[in-house]
Amino acid sequence: MSMELTQQEMHYLAMNIVGEELKEQGYEFLGVNSDLKKNPQFVALKDKTIHFVLVRAVQFPDDPALFDQGLINKMIDHAKAREAKLAYAGVGLGHGADYGKPPLKDQAYTQVYSGLKWLL
């Protein structure tokens, strides 16, 4: 019987999804932080501008588009102080056959990801 992905494993998976998008869009990674309690997850450079990207993984019924406004306010201040842009990437993850069920190790998964949401 397969085990559910841990919160950290879901976070890694979400970071891979977002990281691939950033790479495809031509971002150069300056820093990657996979710790759940450290922000931002990505520090990237594009067009001579620094970009901070916050990544959050959730599973149904949580909405990947929702974020912690207190954290966002802190990150906006952090980005402004460094003349950087800030984006949020919420990734919803579920079981491959039924999004309403949790994702399982070594099995297909479903993702709900609407791309980067630019906040600054």
C-alpha atoms as a PDB file:
ATOM      1  CA  MET A   1       0.000   0.000   0.000  1.00  0.00           C
ATOM      2  CA  SER A   2       1.377   3.391  -0.987  1.00  0.00           C
ATOM      3  CA  MET A   3       1.905   6.100   1.588  1.00  0.00           C
ATOM      4  CA  GLU A   4       0.699   9.691   1.314  1.00  0.00           C
ATOM      5  CA  LEU A   5       3.268  12.322   0.419  1.00  0.00           C
ATOM      6  CA  THR A   6       4.458  14.290   3.430  1.00  0.00           C
ATOM      7  CA  GLN A   7       4.078  18.071   3.468  1.00  0.00           C
ATOM      8  CA  GLN A   8       7.820  18.377   2.741  1.00  0.00           C
ATOM      9  CA  GLU A   9       7.548  15.971  -0.236  1.00  0.00           C
ATOM     10  CA  MET A  10       4.589  17.935  -1.603  1.00  0.00           C
ATOM     11  CA  HIS A  11       6.665  21.100  -1.195  1.00  0.00           C
ATOM     12  CA  TYR A  12       9.559  19.548  -3.181  1.00  0.00           C
ATOM     13  CA  LEU A  13       7.151  18.489  -5.925  1.00  0.00           C
ATOM     14  CA  ALA A  14       5.608  21.971  -6.105  1.00  0.00           C
ATOM     15  CA  MET A  15       9.085  23.517  -6.244  1.00  0.00           C
ATOM     16  CA  ASN A  16       9.989  21.232  -9.158  1.00  0.00           C
ATOM     17  CA  ILE A  17       6.843  22.288 -11.037  1.00  0.00           C
ATOM     18  CA  VAL A  18       7.507  26.001 -10.459  1.00  0.00           C
ATOM     19  CA  GLY A  19      11.263  25.673 -11.030  1.00  0.00           C
ATOM     20  CA  GLU A  20      10.679  24.101 -14.459  1.00  0.00           C
ATOM     21  CA  GLU A  21       8.426  27.018 -15.413  1.00  0.00           C
ATOM     22  CA  LEU A  22      11.025  29.558 -14.282  1.00  0.00           C
ATOM     23  CA  LYS A  23      13.761  27.755 -16.230  1.00  0.00           C
ATOM     24  CA  GLU A  24      11.590  27.640 -19.377  1.00  0.00           C
ATOM     25  CA  GLN A  25      10.984  31.392 -19.041  1.00  0.00           C
ATOM     26  CA  GLY A  26      14.717  32.102 -18.944  1.00  0.00           C
ATOM     27  CA  TYR A  27      15.289  32.842 -15.263  1.00  0.00           C
ATOM     28  CA  GLU A  28      18.776  32.306 -13.812  1.00  0.00           C
ATOM     29  CA  PHE A  29      18.659  30.779 -10.335  1.00  0.00           C
ATOM     30  CA  LEU A  30      20.683  32.663  -7.727  1.00  0.00           C
ATOM     31  CA  GLY A  31      19.305  30.744  -4.764  1.00  0.00           C
ATOM     32  CA  VAL A  32      16.960  27.842  -4.076  1.00  0.00           C
ATOM     33  CA  ASN A  33      15.559  27.177  -0.614  1.00  0.00           C
ATOM     34  CA  SER A  34      13.506  24.022  -0.110  1.00  0.00           C
ATOM     35  CA  ASP A  35      12.946  24.453   3.644  1.00  0.00           C
ATOM     36  CA  LEU A  36       9.235  24.862   4.400  1.00  0.00           C
ATOM     37  CA  LYS A  37       9.909  27.587   6.965  1.00  0.00           C
ATOM     38  CA  LYS A  38      12.317  29.703   4.881  1.00  0.00           C
ATOM     39  CA  ASN A  39      11.233  32.263   2.312  1.00  0.00           C
ATOM     40  CA  PRO A  40      11.491  32.876  -0.569  1.00  0.00           C
ATOM     41  CA  GLN A  41      11.929  29.471  -2.208  1.00  0.00           C
ATOM     42  CA  PHE A  42      13.530  30.896  -5.354  1.00  0.00           C
ATOM     43  CA  VAL A  43      15.755  33.912  -5.876  1.00  0.00           C
ATOM     44  CA  ALA A  44      16.185  34.340  -9.601  1.00  0.00           C
ATOM     45  CA  LEU A  45      17.525  36.870 -12.064  1.00  0.00           C
ATOM     46  CA  LYS A  46      15.931  37.925 -15.340  1.00  0.00           C
ATOM     47  CA  ASP A  47      16.439  41.109 -17.330  1.00  0.00           C
ATOM     48  CA  LYS A  48      18.902  42.358 -14.683  1.00  0.00           C
ATOM     49  CA  THR A  49      16.147  42.280 -12.037  1.00  0.00           C
ATOM     50  CA  ILE A  50      16.013  40.061  -8.976  1.00  0.00           C
ATOM     51  CA  HIS A  51      12.815  38.044  -8.539  1.00  0.00           C
ATOM     52  CA  PHE A  52      11.667  36.373  -5.317  1.00  0.00           C
ATOM     53  CA  VAL A  53       9.227  33.480  -5.723  1.00  0.00           C
ATOM     54  CA  LEU A  54       7.207  32.011  -2.849  1.00  0.00           C
ATOM     55  CA  VAL A  55       5.999  28.447  -3.443  1.00  0.00           C
ATOM     56  CA  ARG A  56       3.204  26.771  -1.495  1.00  0.00           C
ATOM     57  CA  ALA A  57       1.831  23.249  -1.966  1.00  0.00           C
ATOM     58  CA  VAL A  58      -1.672  22.383  -0.775  1.00  0.00           C
ATOM     59  CA  GLN A  59      -4.027  19.474  -1.234  1.00  0.00           C
ATOM     60  CA  PHE A  60      -7.776  19.458  -1.746  1.00  0.00           C
ATOM     61  CA  PRO A  61      -9.910  21.038  -0.336  1.00  0.00           C
ATOM     62  CA  ASP A  62      -7.413  23.890   0.220  1.00  0.00           C
ATOM     63  CA  ASP A  63      -7.257  26.508  -2.539  1.00  0.00           C
ATOM     64  CA  PRO A  64      -3.746  26.949  -4.012  1.00  0.00           C
ATOM     65  CA  ALA A  65      -4.561  30.555  -4.957  1.00  0.00           C
ATOM     66  CA  LEU A  66      -4.946  31.621  -1.307  1.00  0.00           C
ATOM     67  CA  PHE A  67      -1.927  32.806   0.645  1.00  0.00           C
ATOM     68  CA  ASP A  68      -0.943  34.064   4.084  1.00  0.00           C
ATOM     69  CA  GLN A  69      -1.346  37.849   3.845  1.00  0.00           C
ATOM     70  CA  GLY A  70       0.958  38.459   6.819  1.00  0.00           C
ATOM     71  CA  LEU A  71       3.763  36.529   5.130  1.00  0.00           C
ATOM     72  CA  ILE A  72       3.119  38.319   1.844  1.00  0.00           C
ATOM     73  CA  ASN A  73       3.334  41.716   3.556  1.00  0.00           C
ATOM     74  CA  LYS A  74       6.715  40.770   5.085  1.00  0.00           C
ATOM     75  CA  MET A  75       7.970  39.517   1.726  1.00  0.00           C
ATOM     76  CA  ILE A  76       6.772  42.674  -0.052  1.00  0.00           C
ATOM     77  CA  ASP A  77       8.826  44.758   2.389  1.00  0.00           C
ATOM     78  CA  HIS A  78      11.811  42.429   1.877  1.00  0.00           C
ATOM     79  CA  ALA A  79      11.512  42.664  -1.920  1.00  0.00           C
ATOM     80  CA  LYS A  80      11.090  46.459  -1.927  1.00  0.00           C
ATOM     81  CA  ALA A  81      14.207  46.874   0.218  1.00  0.00           C
ATOM     82  CA  ARG A  82      16.153  44.938  -2.411  1.00  0.00           C
ATOM     83  CA  GLU A  83      14.448  46.464  -5.449  1.00  0.00           C
ATOM     84  CA  ALA A  84      13.194  43.005  -6.382  1.00  0.00           C
ATOM     85  CA  LYS A  85       9.976  41.665  -7.859  1.00  0.00           C
ATOM     86  CA  LEU A  86       7.829  39.206  -5.894  1.00  0.00           C
ATOM     87  CA  ALA A  87       5.656  36.349  -7.135  1.00  0.00           C
ATOM     88  CA  TYR A  88       3.494  33.731  -5.441  1.00  0.00           C
ATOM     89  CA  ALA A  89       3.124  30.219  -6.857  1.00  0.00           C
ATOM     90  CA  GLY A  90       0.391  28.104  -5.271  1.00  0.00           C
ATOM     91  CA  VAL A  91       0.292  24.479  -6.397  1.00  0.00           C
ATOM     92  CA  GLY A  92      -2.625  22.176  -5.612  1.00  0.00           C
ATOM     93  CA  LEU A  93      -1.722  18.483  -5.547  1.00  0.00           C
ATOM     94  CA  GLY A  94      -3.951  15.424  -5.465  1.00  0.00           C
ATOM     95  CA  HIS A  95      -4.056  11.764  -6.402  1.00  0.00           C
ATOM     96  CA  GLY A  96      -3.767  11.057 -10.131  1.00  0.00           C
ATOM     97  CA  ALA A  97      -7.116   9.272 -10.381  1.00  0.00           C
ATOM     98  CA  ASP A  98      -9.026  11.526  -7.972  1.00  0.00           C
ATOM     99  CA  TYR A  99      -7.899  15.069  -7.121  1.00  0.00           C
ATOM    100  CA  GLY A 100      -9.988  14.921  -3.949  1.00  0.00           C
ATOM    101  CA  LYS A 101      -7.687  12.246  -2.531  1.00  0.00           C
ATOM    102  CA  PRO A 102      -4.151  12.902  -1.258  1.00  0.00           C
ATOM    103  CA  PRO A 103      -1.165  12.323  -3.556  1.00  0.00           C
ATOM    104  CA  LEU A 104       0.619   9.028  -2.918  1.00  0.00           C
ATOM    105  CA  LYS A 105       4.285   8.098  -3.164  1.00  0.00           C
ATOM    106  CA  ASP A 106       5.279   6.428  -6.440  1.00  0.00           C
ATOM    107  CA  GLN A 107       1.881   7.062  -8.042  1.00  0.00           C
ATOM    108  CA  ALA A 108       0.562   9.541 -10.571  1.00  0.00           C
ATOM    109  CA  TYR A 109      -0.613  12.876  -9.226  1.00  0.00           C
ATOM    110  CA  THR A 110      -2.888  15.682 -10.377  1.00  0.00           C
ATOM    111  CA  GLN A 111      -1.776  19.292 -10.193  1.00  0.00           C
ATOM    112  CA  VAL A 112      -3.691  22.547 -10.151  1.00  0.00           C
ATOM    113  CA  TYR A 113      -1.287  25.371 -10.947  1.00  0.00           C
ATOM    114  CA  SER A 114      -2.270  28.660 -12.556  1.00  0.00           C
ATOM    115  CA  GLY A 115       1.240  30.046 -12.920  1.00  0.00           C
ATOM    116  CA  LEU A 116       3.022  32.823 -11.107  1.00  0.00           C
ATOM    117  CA  LYS A 117       0.936  35.521  -9.445  1.00  0.00           C
ATOM    118  CA  TRP A 118       2.967  38.744  -9.431  1.00  0.00           C
ATOM    119  CA  LEU A 119       2.534  40.724  -6.224  1.00  0.00           C
ATOM    120  CA  LEU A 120       5.239  43.340  -6.735  1.00  0.00           C
END
